[in-house]
Amino acid sequence: MAKITNPFLPLSTDLKMKYASKGTLTGYGHYYQVLGKEIIDSVNCLKVVERGNGSKVNPDLDPEWYYLRLVQDTSGVVWLLQEYDAKANS
């Protein structure tokens, strides 16, 4: 089952984690949203979109976003197996 239980980035299917900026970036948004599961090289991964880098109040309007394929090994380490950078590929 594709699930991340690491306490620093706990993710499972249909989860959206929103982060609010503080200090000089107060009001700006950032989030991770799990879009589903995907198999890469026979490994069950979570397909995650990461939106917002702090340049827009609404992270959906930020041109910088990523598709990530994440997996956690049996010792709890989270691995990034693939990354698609939308801004670099536009």
N, C-alpha and C. Protein backbone atom coordinates (compact mmCIF):
# COMPACT_ATOMS: atom_id res chain seq x y z
N MET A 1 0.84 -1.18 0.00
CA MET A 1 0.00 0.00 0.00
C MET A 1 0.88 1.24 0.00
N ALA A 2 0.60 2.18 -0.86
CA ALA A 2 1.36 3.42 -0.92
C ALA A 2 0.87 4.35 0.17
N LYS A 3 1.74 4.60 1.12
CA LYS A 3 1.40 5.48 2.24
C LYS A 3 2.71 5.98 2.84
N ILE A 4 2.74 7.24 3.25
CA ILE A 4 3.91 7.82 3.90
C ILE A 4 3.53 8.07 5.35
N THR A 5 4.21 7.41 6.27
CA THR A 5 3.92 7.59 7.70
C THR A 5 5.00 8.39 8.41
N ASN A 6 6.02 8.84 7.67
CA ASN A 6 7.08 9.64 8.26
C ASN A 6 6.45 10.86 8.95
N PRO A 7 6.81 11.15 10.21
CA PRO A 7 6.15 12.24 10.94
C PRO A 7 6.37 13.63 10.34
N PHE A 8 7.37 13.80 9.49
CA PHE A 8 7.63 15.10 8.88
C PHE A 8 6.82 15.34 7.61
N LEU A 9 6.30 14.27 6.99
CA LEU A 9 5.49 14.39 5.79
C LEU A 9 4.52 13.21 5.69
N PRO A 10 3.55 13.13 6.62
CA PRO A 10 2.62 12.00 6.58
C PRO A 10 1.61 12.17 5.44
N LEU A 11 1.59 11.25 4.50
CA LEU A 11 0.71 11.33 3.34
C LEU A 11 0.02 10.02 3.08
N SER A 12 -1.23 10.08 2.66
CA SER A 12 -1.97 8.91 2.21
C SER A 12 -2.93 9.38 1.12
N THR A 13 -3.59 8.45 0.46
CA THR A 13 -4.44 8.82 -0.67
C THR A 13 -5.53 9.80 -0.25
N ASP A 14 -5.85 10.71 -1.14
CA ASP A 14 -6.90 11.72 -0.97
C ASP A 14 -6.62 12.70 0.17
N LEU A 15 -5.36 12.97 0.46
CA LEU A 15 -4.99 13.90 1.52
C LEU A 15 -4.46 15.18 0.90
N LYS A 16 -4.79 16.30 1.53
CA LYS A 16 -4.25 17.60 1.12
C LYS A 16 -3.71 18.28 2.37
N MET A 17 -2.41 18.58 2.36
CA MET A 17 -1.78 19.27 3.48
C MET A 17 -1.50 20.70 3.07
N LYS A 18 -2.08 21.66 3.81
CA LYS A 18 -1.90 23.08 3.51
C LYS A 18 -0.94 23.68 4.52
N TYR A 19 -0.05 24.52 4.03
CA TYR A 19 0.90 25.24 4.87
C TYR A 19 0.66 26.73 4.72
N ALA A 20 0.69 27.44 5.82
CA ALA A 20 0.54 28.90 5.79
C ALA A 20 1.88 29.52 6.11
N SER A 21 2.24 30.53 5.36
CA SER A 21 3.52 31.21 5.58
C SER A 21 3.42 32.15 6.78
N LYS A 22 4.55 32.44 7.36
CA LYS A 22 4.62 33.34 8.51
C LYS A 22 5.67 34.42 8.23
N GLY A 23 5.71 35.42 9.09
CA GLY A 23 6.70 36.49 8.94
C GLY A 23 6.40 37.36 7.74
N THR A 24 7.42 37.64 6.95
CA THR A 24 7.25 38.54 5.80
C THR A 24 6.40 37.91 4.70
N LEU A 25 6.22 36.59 4.72
CA LEU A 25 5.41 35.92 3.70
C LEU A 25 4.01 35.56 4.20
N THR A 26 3.56 36.15 5.31
CA THR A 26 2.25 35.85 5.87
C THR A 26 1.16 36.02 4.81
N GLY A 27 0.29 35.04 4.73
CA GLY A 27 -0.81 35.08 3.77
C GLY A 27 -0.56 34.27 2.52
N TYR A 28 0.68 33.90 2.27
CA TYR A 28 0.99 33.12 1.07
C TYR A 28 0.82 31.64 1.36
N GLY A 29 0.37 30.90 0.36
CA GLY A 29 0.04 29.50 0.57
C GLY A 29 0.97 28.53 -0.13
N HIS A 30 0.91 27.29 0.35
CA HIS A 30 1.69 26.17 -0.19
C HIS A 30 0.95 24.91 0.21
N TYR A 31 0.86 23.94 -0.68
CA TYR A 31 0.23 22.68 -0.28
C TYR A 31 0.79 21.48 -1.03
N TYR A 32 0.59 20.33 -0.42
CA TYR A 32 0.83 19.03 -1.03
C TYR A 32 -0.52 18.35 -1.13
N GLN A 33 -0.82 17.78 -2.29
CA GLN A 33 -2.07 17.04 -2.44
C GLN A 33 -1.78 15.70 -3.10
N VAL A 34 -2.24 14.64 -2.46
CA VAL A 34 -2.07 13.29 -3.00
C VAL A 34 -3.13 13.08 -4.06
N LEU A 35 -2.70 12.76 -5.27
CA LEU A 35 -3.61 12.56 -6.39
C LEU A 35 -3.97 11.10 -6.58
N GLY A 36 -3.19 10.20 -6.03
CA GLY A 36 -3.46 8.78 -6.18
C GLY A 36 -2.20 7.96 -6.06
N LYS A 37 -2.30 6.72 -6.49
CA LYS A 37 -1.17 5.79 -6.45
C LYS A 37 -0.67 5.55 -7.86
N GLU A 38 0.61 5.21 -7.96
CA GLU A 38 1.21 4.90 -9.25
C GLU A 38 2.34 3.92 -9.03
N ILE A 39 2.50 2.97 -9.94
CA ILE A 39 3.58 1.99 -9.82
C ILE A 39 4.72 2.42 -10.74
N ILE A 40 5.91 2.54 -10.16
CA ILE A 40 7.13 2.88 -10.90
C ILE A 40 8.16 1.81 -10.59
N ASP A 41 8.62 1.11 -11.63
CA ASP A 41 9.60 0.03 -11.46
C ASP A 41 9.16 -0.94 -10.37
N SER A 42 7.91 -1.35 -10.41
CA SER A 42 7.27 -2.30 -9.48
C SER A 42 7.19 -1.80 -8.03
N VAL A 43 7.32 -0.49 -7.83
CA VAL A 43 7.21 0.11 -6.49
C VAL A 43 5.93 0.92 -6.43
N ASN A 44 5.12 0.67 -5.42
CA ASN A 44 3.87 1.40 -5.20
C ASN A 44 4.18 2.79 -4.65
N CYS A 45 3.93 3.83 -5.42
CA CYS A 45 4.26 5.21 -5.03
C CYS A 45 2.99 6.02 -4.85
N LEU A 46 3.14 7.14 -4.16
CA LEU A 46 2.08 8.14 -4.11
C LEU A 46 2.40 9.22 -5.13
N LYS A 47 1.41 9.58 -5.95
CA LYS A 47 1.55 10.67 -6.90
C LYS A 47 1.04 11.92 -6.19
N VAL A 48 1.94 12.91 -6.04
CA VAL A 48 1.65 14.09 -5.23
C VAL A 48 1.90 15.34 -6.07
N VAL A 49 1.03 16.33 -5.94
CA VAL A 49 1.28 17.63 -6.55
C VAL A 49 1.68 18.58 -5.43
N GLU A 50 2.72 19.36 -5.68
CA GLU A 50 3.19 20.37 -4.74
C GLU A 50 2.97 21.72 -5.41
N ARG A 51 2.16 22.57 -4.80
CA ARG A 51 1.82 23.87 -5.41
C ARG A 51 2.23 25.00 -4.48
N GLY A 52 2.69 26.09 -5.08
CA GLY A 52 3.01 27.31 -4.36
C GLY A 52 4.42 27.35 -3.83
N ASN A 53 5.10 28.46 -4.08
CA ASN A 53 6.45 28.63 -3.53
C ASN A 53 6.56 29.93 -2.74
N GLY A 54 5.41 30.54 -2.46
CA GLY A 54 5.42 31.76 -1.66
C GLY A 54 5.36 33.04 -2.46
N SER A 55 5.19 32.96 -3.78
CA SER A 55 5.13 34.19 -4.56
C SER A 55 3.70 34.63 -4.86
N LYS A 56 2.73 33.82 -4.52
CA LYS A 56 1.31 34.15 -4.74
C LYS A 56 0.52 33.79 -3.48
N VAL A 57 -0.52 34.58 -3.21
CA VAL A 57 -1.39 34.27 -2.07
C VAL A 57 -2.11 32.95 -2.33
N ASN A 58 -2.61 32.77 -3.55
CA ASN A 58 -3.29 31.53 -3.93
C ASN A 58 -2.26 30.62 -4.62
N PRO A 59 -1.90 29.48 -3.98
CA PRO A 59 -0.88 28.62 -4.59
C PRO A 59 -1.26 28.07 -5.95
N ASP A 60 -2.56 27.99 -6.27
CA ASP A 60 -2.98 27.49 -7.58
C ASP A 60 -2.62 28.46 -8.70
N LEU A 61 -2.35 29.72 -8.37
CA LEU A 61 -1.97 30.71 -9.37
C LEU A 61 -0.46 30.83 -9.54
N ASP A 62 0.28 30.13 -8.71
CA ASP A 62 1.74 30.19 -8.75
C ASP A 62 2.25 29.37 -9.92
N PRO A 63 3.12 29.92 -10.76
CA PRO A 63 3.62 29.17 -11.91
C PRO A 63 4.59 28.04 -11.53
N GLU A 64 5.08 28.03 -10.29
CA GLU A 64 6.00 26.98 -9.86
C GLU A 64 5.23 25.89 -9.13
N TRP A 65 5.18 24.71 -9.73
CA TRP A 65 4.56 23.56 -9.10
C TRP A 65 5.20 22.28 -9.63
N TYR A 66 5.01 21.19 -8.90
CA TYR A 66 5.69 19.93 -9.20
C TYR A 66 4.74 18.75 -9.04
N TYR A 67 4.95 17.73 -9.87
CA TYR A 67 4.38 16.40 -9.62
C TYR A 67 5.51 15.56 -9.04
N LEU A 68 5.24 14.92 -7.92
CA LEU A 68 6.24 14.09 -7.24
C LEU A 68 5.74 12.66 -7.15
N ARG A 69 6.64 11.70 -7.23
CA ARG A 69 6.34 10.29 -6.95
C ARG A 69 7.15 9.92 -5.73
N LEU A 70 6.47 9.72 -4.60
CA LEU A 70 7.13 9.46 -3.32
C LEU A 70 6.83 8.06 -2.82
N VAL A 71 7.80 7.49 -2.12
CA VAL A 71 7.62 6.18 -1.51
C VAL A 71 8.42 6.16 -0.21
N GLN A 72 7.97 5.36 0.73
CA GLN A 72 8.66 5.21 2.02
C GLN A 72 9.18 3.78 2.14
N ASP A 73 10.44 3.63 2.55
CA ASP A 73 10.98 2.28 2.72
C ASP A 73 10.63 1.75 4.11
N THR A 74 11.02 0.51 4.39
CA THR A 74 10.64 -0.14 5.64
C THR A 74 11.26 0.49 6.88
N SER A 75 12.33 1.28 6.70
CA SER A 75 12.94 1.96 7.85
C SER A 75 12.36 3.35 8.08
N GLY A 76 11.41 3.78 7.24
CA GLY A 76 10.74 5.07 7.41
C GLY A 76 11.32 6.21 6.59
N VAL A 77 12.34 5.92 5.77
CA VAL A 77 12.94 6.95 4.93
C VAL A 77 12.05 7.17 3.71
N VAL A 78 11.79 8.46 3.38
CA VAL A 78 10.98 8.81 2.22
C VAL A 78 11.90 9.08 1.04
N TRP A 79 11.54 8.46 -0.10
CA TRP A 79 12.34 8.59 -1.32
C TRP A 79 11.52 9.28 -2.39
N LEU A 80 12.18 10.16 -3.13
CA LEU A 80 11.59 10.81 -4.29
C LEU A 80 12.04 10.02 -5.52
N LEU A 81 11.10 9.32 -6.18
CA LEU A 81 11.47 8.51 -7.33
C LEU A 81 11.36 9.27 -8.64
N GLN A 82 10.46 10.25 -8.70
CA GLN A 82 10.33 11.07 -9.91
C GLN A 82 9.88 12.46 -9.51
N GLU A 83 10.29 13.44 -10.32
CA GLU A 83 9.85 14.82 -10.11
C GLU A 83 9.63 15.45 -11.48
N TYR A 84 8.50 16.07 -11.65
CA TYR A 84 8.20 16.82 -12.87
C TYR A 84 8.06 18.28 -12.48
N ASP A 85 8.91 19.13 -12.98
CA ASP A 85 8.92 20.55 -12.70
C ASP A 85 8.15 21.24 -13.82
N ALA A 86 6.94 21.70 -13.53
CA ALA A 86 6.07 22.28 -14.56
C ALA A 86 6.64 23.56 -15.13
N LYS A 87 7.27 24.38 -14.29
CA LYS A 87 7.80 25.65 -14.77
C LYS A 87 8.98 25.43 -15.72
N ALA A 88 9.86 24.50 -15.39
CA ALA A 88 11.02 24.21 -16.23
C ALA A 88 10.62 23.53 -17.54
N ASN A 89 9.48 22.85 -17.53
CA ASN A 89 9.04 22.12 -18.72
C ASN A 89 7.98 22.86 -19.51
N SER A 90 7.75 24.13 -19.20
CA SER A 90 6.72 24.88 -19.93
C SER A 90 7.31 25.61 -21.12
